[in-house]
Each structure stands twice: as C-alpha cells, then as structure tokens.
Full PDB file with SEQRES, HELIX, SHEET, SSBOND, CRYST1, ORIGX, SCALE, CONECT and MASTER records, all heavy atoms in Angstrom:
SEQRES   1 A   32  LEU SER LEU GLY PRO ASP GLY LEU ARG LEU ALA PRO THR          
SEQRES   2 A   32  LEU ASP SER PRO ARG GLU CYS GLY TYR PHE PHE THR LEU          
SEQRES   3 A   32  GLU SER ALA GLY ILE TYR                                      
SHEET    1 AA1 2 SER A   2  GLY A   4  0                                        
SHEET    2 AA1 2 GLY A   7  ARG A   9 -1                                        
CRYST1    1.000    1.000    1.000  90.00  90.00  90.00 P 1           1          
ORIGX1      1.000000  0.000000  0.000000        0.00000                         
ORIGX2      0.000000  1.000000  0.000000        0.00000                         
ORIGX3      0.000000  0.000000  1.000000        0.00000                         
SCALE1      1.000000  0.000000  0.000000        0.00000                         
SCALE2      0.000000  1.000000  0.000000        0.00000                         
SCALE3      0.000000  0.000000  1.000000        0.00000                         
ATOM      1  N   LEU A   1       8.840  74.925 105.210  1.00  0.00           N  
ATOM      2  CA  LEU A   1       8.436  74.004 104.152  1.00  0.00           C  
ATOM      3  C   LEU A   1       9.263  74.271 102.901  1.00  0.00           C  
ATOM      4  O   LEU A   1       9.539  75.426 102.567  1.00  0.00           O  
ATOM      5  CB  LEU A   1       6.955  74.180 103.823  1.00  0.00           C  
ATOM      6  CG  LEU A   1       5.987  74.413 104.983  1.00  0.00           C  
ATOM      7  CD1 LEU A   1       4.587  74.633 104.457  1.00  0.00           C  
ATOM      8  CD2 LEU A   1       6.028  73.250 105.951  1.00  0.00           C  
ATOM      9  N   SER A   2       9.628  73.222 102.207  1.00  0.00           N  
ATOM     10  CA  SER A   2      10.333  73.358 100.938  1.00  0.00           C  
ATOM     11  C   SER A   2      10.026  72.136 100.080  1.00  0.00           C  
ATOM     12  O   SER A   2       9.491  71.138 100.568  1.00  0.00           O  
ATOM     13  CB  SER A   2      11.843  73.490 101.151  1.00  0.00           C  
ATOM     14  OG  SER A   2      12.359  72.340 101.794  1.00  0.00           O  
ATOM     15  N   LEU A   3      10.364  72.248  98.785  1.00  0.00           N  
ATOM     16  CA  LEU A   3      10.161  71.135  97.854  1.00  0.00           C  
ATOM     17  C   LEU A   3      11.511  70.654  97.356  1.00  0.00           C  
ATOM     18  O   LEU A   3      12.277  71.424  96.774  1.00  0.00           O  
ATOM     19  CB  LEU A   3       9.302  71.570  96.667  1.00  0.00           C  
ATOM     20  CG  LEU A   3       7.794  71.401  96.773  1.00  0.00           C  
ATOM     21  CD1 LEU A   3       7.138  71.904  95.499  1.00  0.00           C  
ATOM     22  CD2 LEU A   3       7.405  69.961  97.032  1.00  0.00           C  
ATOM     23  N   GLY A   4      11.815  69.377  97.609  1.00  0.00           N  
ATOM     24  CA  GLY A   4      13.023  68.771  97.083  1.00  0.00           C  
ATOM     25  C   GLY A   4      12.666  67.730  96.041  1.00  0.00           C  
ATOM     26  O   GLY A   4      11.489  67.494  95.751  1.00  0.00           O  
ATOM     27  N   PRO A   5      13.657  67.095  95.437  1.00  0.00           N  
ATOM     28  CA  PRO A   5      13.388  66.053  94.431  1.00  0.00           C  
ATOM     29  C   PRO A   5      12.503  64.936  94.964  1.00  0.00           C  
ATOM     30  O   PRO A   5      11.743  64.324  94.211  1.00  0.00           O  
ATOM     31  CB  PRO A   5      14.790  65.536  94.076  1.00  0.00           C  
ATOM     32  CG  PRO A   5      15.710  66.650  94.437  1.00  0.00           C  
ATOM     33  CD  PRO A   5      15.100  67.307  95.637  1.00  0.00           C  
ATOM     34  N   ASP A   6      12.626  64.676  96.277  1.00  0.00           N  
ATOM     35  CA  ASP A   6      11.824  63.605  96.860  1.00  0.00           C  
ATOM     36  C   ASP A   6      10.467  64.078  97.355  1.00  0.00           C  
ATOM     37  O   ASP A   6       9.716  63.311  97.955  1.00  0.00           O  
ATOM     38  CB  ASP A   6      12.593  62.939  98.005  1.00  0.00           C  
ATOM     39  CG  ASP A   6      13.030  63.945  99.075  1.00  0.00           C  
ATOM     40  OD1 ASP A   6      12.985  65.157  98.798  1.00  0.00           O  
ATOM     41  OD2 ASP A   6      13.415  63.511 100.173  1.00  0.00           O  
ATOM     42  N   GLY A   7      10.153  65.346  97.126  1.00  0.00           N  
ATOM     43  CA  GLY A   7       8.833  65.855  97.493  1.00  0.00           C  
ATOM     44  C   GLY A   7       8.869  66.894  98.589  1.00  0.00           C  
ATOM     45  O   GLY A   7       9.863  67.598  98.780  1.00  0.00           O  
ATOM     46  N   LEU A   8       7.788  66.982  99.320  1.00  0.00           N  
ATOM     47  CA  LEU A   8       7.613  67.999 100.345  1.00  0.00           C  
ATOM     48  C   LEU A   8       8.517  67.722 101.543  1.00  0.00           C  
ATOM     49  O   LEU A   8       8.603  66.596 102.025  1.00  0.00           O  
ATOM     50  CB  LEU A   8       6.147  68.017 100.788  1.00  0.00           C  
ATOM     51  CG  LEU A   8       5.714  69.116 101.748  1.00  0.00           C  
ATOM     52  CD1 LEU A   8       5.821  70.483 101.097  1.00  0.00           C  
ATOM     53  CD2 LEU A   8       4.271  68.858 102.202  1.00  0.00           C  
ATOM     54  N   ARG A   9       9.166  68.785 102.022  1.00  0.00           N  
ATOM     55  CA  ARG A   9      10.031  68.669 103.189  1.00  0.00           C  
ATOM     56  C   ARG A   9       9.581  69.657 104.259  1.00  0.00           C  
ATOM     57  O   ARG A   9       9.273  70.811 103.958  1.00  0.00           O  
ATOM     58  CB  ARG A   9      11.490  68.973 102.816  1.00  0.00           C  
ATOM     59  CG  ARG A   9      12.086  68.011 101.800  1.00  0.00           C  
ATOM     60  CD  ARG A   9      13.470  68.471 101.387  1.00  0.00           C  
ATOM     61  NE  ARG A   9      14.099  67.551 100.450  1.00  0.00           N  
ATOM     62  CZ  ARG A   9      15.263  67.796  99.855  1.00  0.00           C  
ATOM     63  NH1 ARG A   9      15.921  68.917 100.107  1.00  0.00           N  
ATOM     64  NH2 ARG A   9      15.779  66.909  99.015  1.00  0.00           N  
ATOM     65  N   LEU A  10       9.566  69.198 105.504  1.00  0.00           N  
ATOM     66  CA  LEU A  10       9.241  70.048 106.645  1.00  0.00           C  
ATOM     67  C   LEU A  10      10.383  69.965 107.637  1.00  0.00           C  
ATOM     68  O   LEU A  10      10.801  68.867 108.008  1.00  0.00           O  
ATOM     69  CB  LEU A  10       7.941  69.613 107.333  1.00  0.00           C  
ATOM     70  CG  LEU A  10       6.616  70.068 106.709  1.00  0.00           C  
ATOM     71  CD1 LEU A  10       6.325  69.292 105.432  1.00  0.00           C  
ATOM     72  CD2 LEU A  10       5.479  69.885 107.701  1.00  0.00           C  
ATOM     73  N   ALA A  11      10.894  71.116 108.044  1.00  0.00           N  
ATOM     74  CA  ALA A  11      11.977  71.147 109.020  1.00  0.00           C  
ATOM     75  C   ALA A  11      11.635  72.145 110.114  1.00  0.00           C  
ATOM     76  O   ALA A  11      11.001  73.182 109.845  1.00  0.00           O  
ATOM     77  CB  ALA A  11      13.292  71.542 108.342  1.00  0.00           C  
ATOM     78  N   PRO A  12      12.029  71.868 111.348  1.00  0.00           N  
ATOM     79  CA  PRO A  12      11.775  72.845 112.424  1.00  0.00           C  
ATOM     80  C   PRO A  12      12.555  74.122 112.171  1.00  0.00           C  
ATOM     81  O   PRO A  12      13.642  74.100 111.594  1.00  0.00           O  
ATOM     82  CB  PRO A  12      12.288  72.134 113.685  1.00  0.00           C  
ATOM     83  CG  PRO A  12      12.406  70.691 113.303  1.00  0.00           C  
ATOM     84  CD  PRO A  12      12.685  70.663 111.837  1.00  0.00           C  
ATOM     85  N   THR A  13      12.006  75.262 112.559  1.00  0.00           N  
ATOM     86  CA  THR A  13      12.763  76.500 112.510  1.00  0.00           C  
ATOM     87  C   THR A  13      13.860  76.427 113.556  1.00  0.00           C  
ATOM     88  O   THR A  13      13.783  75.675 114.511  1.00  0.00           O  
ATOM     89  CB  THR A  13      11.868  77.719 112.808  1.00  0.00           C  
ATOM     90  OG1 THR A  13      11.337  77.580 114.122  1.00  0.00           O  
ATOM     91  CG2 THR A  13      10.745  77.822 111.808  1.00  0.00           C  
ATOM     92  N   LEU A  14      14.891  77.236 113.372  1.00  0.00           N  
ATOM     93  CA  LEU A  14      16.014  77.206 114.291  1.00  0.00           C  
ATOM     94  C   LEU A  14      15.807  78.118 115.484  1.00  0.00           C  
ATOM     95  O   LEU A  14      16.552  78.066 116.452  1.00  0.00           O  
ATOM     96  CB  LEU A  14      17.298  77.627 113.553  1.00  0.00           C  
ATOM     97  CG  LEU A  14      17.670  76.727 112.377  1.00  0.00           C  
ATOM     98  CD1 LEU A  14      18.961  77.216 111.746  1.00  0.00           C  
ATOM     99  CD2 LEU A  14      17.815  75.286 112.825  1.00  0.00           C  
ATOM    100  N   ASP A  15      14.810  78.990 115.401  1.00  0.00           N  
ATOM    101  CA  ASP A  15      14.492  79.842 116.542  1.00  0.00           C  
ATOM    102  C   ASP A  15      13.746  79.031 117.581  1.00  0.00           C  
ATOM    103  O   ASP A  15      13.401  77.871 117.373  1.00  0.00           O  
ATOM    104  CB  ASP A  15      13.594  81.022 116.111  1.00  0.00           C  
ATOM    105  CG  ASP A  15      14.415  82.115 115.457  1.00  0.00           C  
ATOM    106  OD1 ASP A  15      15.631  82.187 115.705  1.00  0.00           O  
ATOM    107  OD2 ASP A  15      13.830  82.892 114.694  1.00  0.00           O  
ATOM    108  N   SER A  16      13.439  79.659 118.726  1.00  0.00           N  
ATOM    109  CA  SER A  16      12.579  79.036 119.717  1.00  0.00           C  
ATOM    110  C   SER A  16      11.199  78.858 119.100  1.00  0.00           C  
ATOM    111  O   SER A  16      10.904  79.446 118.060  1.00  0.00           O  
ATOM    112  CB  SER A  16      12.490  79.926 120.956  1.00  0.00           C  
ATOM    113  OG  SER A  16      12.045  81.221 120.597  1.00  0.00           O  
ATOM    114  N   PRO A  17      10.307  78.037 119.686  1.00  0.00           N  
ATOM    115  CA  PRO A  17       9.007  77.765 119.080  1.00  0.00           C  
ATOM    116  C   PRO A  17       8.304  79.022 118.618  1.00  0.00           C  
ATOM    117  O   PRO A  17       8.138  79.969 119.368  1.00  0.00           O  
ATOM    118  CB  PRO A  17       8.238  77.075 120.223  1.00  0.00           C  
ATOM    119  CG  PRO A  17       9.310  76.403 121.005  1.00  0.00           C  
ATOM    120  CD  PRO A  17      10.481  77.355 120.964  1.00  0.00           C  
ATOM    121  N   ARG A  18       7.882  79.036 117.347  1.00  0.00           N  
ATOM    122  CA  ARG A  18       7.372  80.249 116.725  1.00  0.00           C  
ATOM    123  C   ARG A  18       5.854  80.314 116.806  1.00  0.00           C  
ATOM    124  O   ARG A  18       5.146  80.306 115.798  1.00  0.00           O  
ATOM    125  CB  ARG A  18       7.836  80.317 115.271  1.00  0.00           C  
ATOM    126  CG  ARG A  18       9.344  80.337 115.137  1.00  0.00           C  
ATOM    127  CD  ARG A  18       9.751  80.349 113.697  1.00  0.00           C  
ATOM    128  NE  ARG A  18       9.238  81.507 112.992  1.00  0.00           N  
ATOM    129  CZ  ARG A  18       9.807  82.698 113.015  1.00  0.00           C  
ATOM    130  NH1 ARG A  18      10.892  82.908 113.727  1.00  0.00           N  
ATOM    131  NH2 ARG A  18       9.286  83.704 112.345  1.00  0.00           N  
ATOM    132  N   GLU A  19       5.348  80.419 118.021  1.00  0.00           N  
ATOM    133  CA  GLU A  19       3.909  80.565 118.171  1.00  0.00           C  
ATOM    134  C   GLU A  19       3.455  81.900 117.601  1.00  0.00           C  
ATOM    135  O   GLU A  19       2.277  82.136 117.401  1.00  0.00           O  
ATOM    136  CB  GLU A  19       3.524  80.433 119.640  1.00  0.00           C  
ATOM    137  CG  GLU A  19       3.785  79.031 120.189  1.00  0.00           C  
ATOM    138  CD  GLU A  19       3.403  78.927 121.637  1.00  0.00           C  
ATOM    139  OE1 GLU A  19       2.956  79.941 122.204  1.00  0.00           O  
ATOM    140  OE2 GLU A  19       3.553  77.837 122.212  1.00  0.00           O  
ATOM    141  N   CYS A  20       4.407  82.830 117.413  1.00  0.00           N  
ATOM    142  CA  CYS A  20       4.049  84.143 116.880  1.00  0.00           C  
ATOM    143  C   CYS A  20       4.299  84.214 115.378  1.00  0.00           C  
ATOM    144  O   CYS A  20       4.298  85.301 114.811  1.00  0.00           O  
ATOM    145  CB  CYS A  20       4.840  85.235 117.600  1.00  0.00           C  
ATOM    146  SG  CYS A  20       6.616  84.985 117.556  1.00  0.00           S  
ATOM    147  N   GLY A  21       4.576  83.087 114.702  1.00  0.00           N  
ATOM    148  CA  GLY A  21       4.808  83.123 113.274  1.00  0.00           C  
ATOM    149  C   GLY A  21       3.541  83.401 112.496  1.00  0.00           C  
ATOM    150  O   GLY A  21       2.431  83.223 112.984  1.00  0.00           O  
ATOM    151  N   TYR A  22       3.694  83.877 111.262  1.00  0.00           N  
ATOM    152  CA  TYR A  22       2.534  84.146 110.405  1.00  0.00           C  
ATOM    153  C   TYR A  22       2.953  83.967 108.958  1.00  0.00           C  
ATOM    154  O   TYR A  22       4.152  83.970 108.624  1.00  0.00           O  
ATOM    155  CB  TYR A  22       1.988  85.558 110.642  1.00  0.00           C  
ATOM    156  CG  TYR A  22       3.022  86.656 110.495  1.00  0.00           C  
ATOM    157  CD1 TYR A  22       3.266  87.246 109.266  1.00  0.00           C  
ATOM    158  CD2 TYR A  22       3.760  87.086 111.589  1.00  0.00           C  
ATOM    159  CE1 TYR A  22       4.218  88.239 109.128  1.00  0.00           C  
ATOM    160  CE2 TYR A  22       4.709  88.081 111.472  1.00  0.00           C  
ATOM    161  CZ  TYR A  22       4.939  88.653 110.231  1.00  0.00           C  
ATOM    162  OH  TYR A  22       5.899  89.631 110.089  1.00  0.00           O  
ATOM    163  N   PHE A  23       1.978  83.798 108.092  1.00  0.00           N  
ATOM    164  CA  PHE A  23       2.241  83.518 106.682  1.00  0.00           C  
ATOM    165  C   PHE A  23       1.021  83.943 105.872  1.00  0.00           C  
ATOM    166  O   PHE A  23      -0.092  83.517 106.158  1.00  0.00           O  
ATOM    167  CB  PHE A  23       2.496  82.017 106.488  1.00  0.00           C  
ATOM    168  CG  PHE A  23       2.866  81.630 105.098  1.00  0.00           C  
ATOM    169  CD1 PHE A  23       4.184  81.489 104.731  1.00  0.00           C  
ATOM    170  CD2 PHE A  23       1.883  81.386 104.145  1.00  0.00           C  
ATOM    171  CE1 PHE A  23       4.524  81.118 103.432  1.00  0.00           C  
ATOM    172  CE2 PHE A  23       2.213  81.022 102.854  1.00  0.00           C  
ATOM    173  CZ  PHE A  23       3.541  80.882 102.506  1.00  0.00           C  
ATOM    174  N   PHE A  24       1.224  84.810 104.891  1.00  0.00           N  
ATOM    175  CA  PHE A  24       0.149  85.246 104.013  1.00  0.00           C  
ATOM    176  C   PHE A  24       0.611  85.113 102.562  1.00  0.00           C  
ATOM    177  O   PHE A  24       1.771  85.400 102.240  1.00  0.00           O  
ATOM    178  CB  PHE A  24      -0.215  86.712 104.243  1.00  0.00           C  
ATOM    179  CG  PHE A  24      -0.779  87.011 105.608  1.00  0.00           C  
ATOM    180  CD1 PHE A  24       0.062  87.409 106.646  1.00  0.00           C  
ATOM    181  CD2 PHE A  24      -2.135  86.917 105.857  1.00  0.00           C  
ATOM    182  CE1 PHE A  24      -0.443  87.695 107.897  1.00  0.00           C  
ATOM    183  CE2 PHE A  24      -2.651  87.204 107.104  1.00  0.00           C  
ATOM    184  CZ  PHE A  24      -1.796  87.594 108.136  1.00  0.00           C  
ATOM    185  N   THR A  25      -0.287  84.696 101.678  1.00  0.00           N  
ATOM    186  CA  THR A  25      -0.038  84.718 100.244  1.00  0.00           C  
ATOM    187  C   THR A  25      -0.968  85.751  99.616  1.00  0.00           C  
ATOM    188  O   THR A  25      -2.191  85.619  99.688  1.00  0.00           O  
ATOM    189  CB  THR A  25      -0.288  83.341  99.604  1.00  0.00           C  
ATOM    190  OG1 THR A  25       0.579  82.379 100.204  1.00  0.00           O  
ATOM    191  CG2 THR A  25       0.000  83.394  98.113  1.00  0.00           C  
ATOM    192  N   LEU A  26      -0.386  86.770  99.000  1.00  0.00           N  
ATOM    193  CA  LEU A  26      -1.164  87.855  98.415  1.00  0.00           C  
ATOM    194  C   LEU A  26      -1.223  87.684  96.903  1.00  0.00           C  
ATOM    195  O   LEU A  26      -0.180  87.550  96.246  1.00  0.00           O  
ATOM    196  CB  LEU A  26      -0.538  89.222  98.733  1.00  0.00           C  
ATOM    197  CG  LEU A  26      -0.777  89.836 100.112  1.00  0.00           C  
ATOM    198  CD1 LEU A  26      -0.162  88.976 101.209  1.00  0.00           C  
ATOM    199  CD2 LEU A  26      -0.206  91.245 100.177  1.00  0.00           C  
ATOM    200  N   GLU A  27      -2.418  87.698  96.358  1.00  0.00           N  
ATOM    201  CA  GLU A  27      -2.616  87.699  94.911  1.00  0.00           C  
ATOM    202  C   GLU A  27      -2.913  89.098  94.410  1.00  0.00           C  
ATOM    203  O   GLU A  27      -2.853  89.361  93.209  1.00  0.00           O  
ATOM    204  CB  GLU A  27      -3.775  86.768  94.535  1.00  0.00           C  
ATOM    205  CG  GLU A  27      -3.564  85.313  94.927  1.00  0.00           C  
ATOM    206  CD  GLU A  27      -2.568  84.595  94.028  1.00  0.00           C  
ATOM    207  OE1 GLU A  27      -2.128  85.205  93.037  1.00  0.00           O  
ATOM    208  OE2 GLU A  27      -2.237  83.447  94.338  1.00  0.00           O  
ATOM    209  N   SER A  28      -3.237  89.999  95.331  1.00  0.00           N  
ATOM    210  CA  SER A  28      -3.576  91.379  94.979  1.00  0.00           C  
ATOM    211  C   SER A  28      -3.633  92.185  96.268  1.00  0.00           C  
ATOM    212  O   SER A  28      -3.434  91.653  97.362  1.00  0.00           O  
ATOM    213  CB  SER A  28      -4.932  91.441  94.256  1.00  0.00           C  
ATOM    214  OG  SER A  28      -5.966  91.013  95.134  1.00  0.00           O  
ATOM    215  N   ALA A  29      -3.917  93.476  96.141  1.00  0.00           N  
ATOM    216  CA  ALA A  29      -4.152  94.298  97.326  1.00  0.00           C  
ATOM    217  C   ALA A  29      -5.421  93.806  98.017  1.00  0.00           C  
ATOM    218  O   ALA A  29      -6.299  93.210  97.402  1.00  0.00           O  
ATOM    219  CB  ALA A  29      -4.285  95.762  96.933  1.00  0.00           C  
ATOM    220  N   GLY A  30      -5.518  94.053  99.322  1.00  0.00           N  
ATOM    221  CA  GLY A  30      -6.707  93.634 100.049  1.00  0.00           C  
ATOM    222  C   GLY A  30      -6.422  93.503 101.524  1.00  0.00           C  
ATOM    223  O   GLY A  30      -5.341  93.856 102.007  1.00  0.00           O  
ATOM    224  N   ILE A  31      -7.390  92.978 102.252  1.00  0.00           N  
ATOM    225  CA  ILE A  31      -7.258  92.725 103.679  1.00  0.00           C  
ATOM    226  C   ILE A  31      -7.263  91.212 103.877  1.00  0.00           C  
ATOM    227  O   ILE A  31      -8.162  90.516 103.417  1.00  0.00           O  
ATOM    228  CB  ILE A  31      -8.399  93.386 104.478  1.00  0.00           C  
ATOM    229  CG1 ILE A  31      -8.342  94.908 104.310  1.00  0.00           C  
ATOM    230  CG2 ILE A  31      -8.311  93.015 105.953  1.00  0.00           C  
ATOM    231  CD1 ILE A  31      -9.489  95.642 104.979  1.00  0.00           C  
ATOM    232  N   TYR A  32      -6.246  90.724 104.567  1.00  0.00           N  
ATOM    233  CA  TYR A  32      -6.088  89.295 104.795  1.00  0.00           C  
ATOM    234  C   TYR A  32      -6.054  89.044 106.303  1.00  0.00           C  
ATOM    235  O   TYR A  32      -5.596  89.887 107.067  1.00  0.00           O  
ATOM    236  CB  TYR A  32      -4.789  88.788 104.168  1.00  0.00           C  
ATOM    237  CG  TYR A  32      -4.712  88.954 102.671  1.00  0.00           C  
ATOM    238  CD1 TYR A  32      -4.404  90.196 102.106  1.00  0.00           C  
ATOM    239  CD2 TYR A  32      -4.930  87.876 101.816  1.00  0.00           C  
ATOM    240  CE1 TYR A  32      -4.324  90.352 100.727  1.00  0.00           C  
ATOM    241  CE2 TYR A  32      -4.841  88.030 100.444  1.00  0.00           C  
ATOM    242  CZ  TYR A  32      -4.543  89.271  99.898  1.00  0.00           C  
ATOM    243  OH  TYR A  32      -4.460  89.412  98.544  1.00  0.00           O  
TER     244      TYR A  32                                                      
MASTER        0    0    0    0    2    0    0    6  243    1    0    3          
END                                                                             
C-alpha cells in the first residue's frame, strides 16, 4: 500500500503469494 497524488494505491508484492506476511503498528511497548 502507498499514497500517491491520486490517492491510495495497492500493488501486488513481487514475491510469491505472501500468506505468511504480517504487519503491526506500534504506538508503545506491549503485546500485539
């Protein structure tokens, strides 16, 4: 995901399908 002048953009990753991908946003220490 990225933001361009025309708004939100979604592009496939270049790797094989990333069923093992993950994403966390941390605002502080903790368990997520």
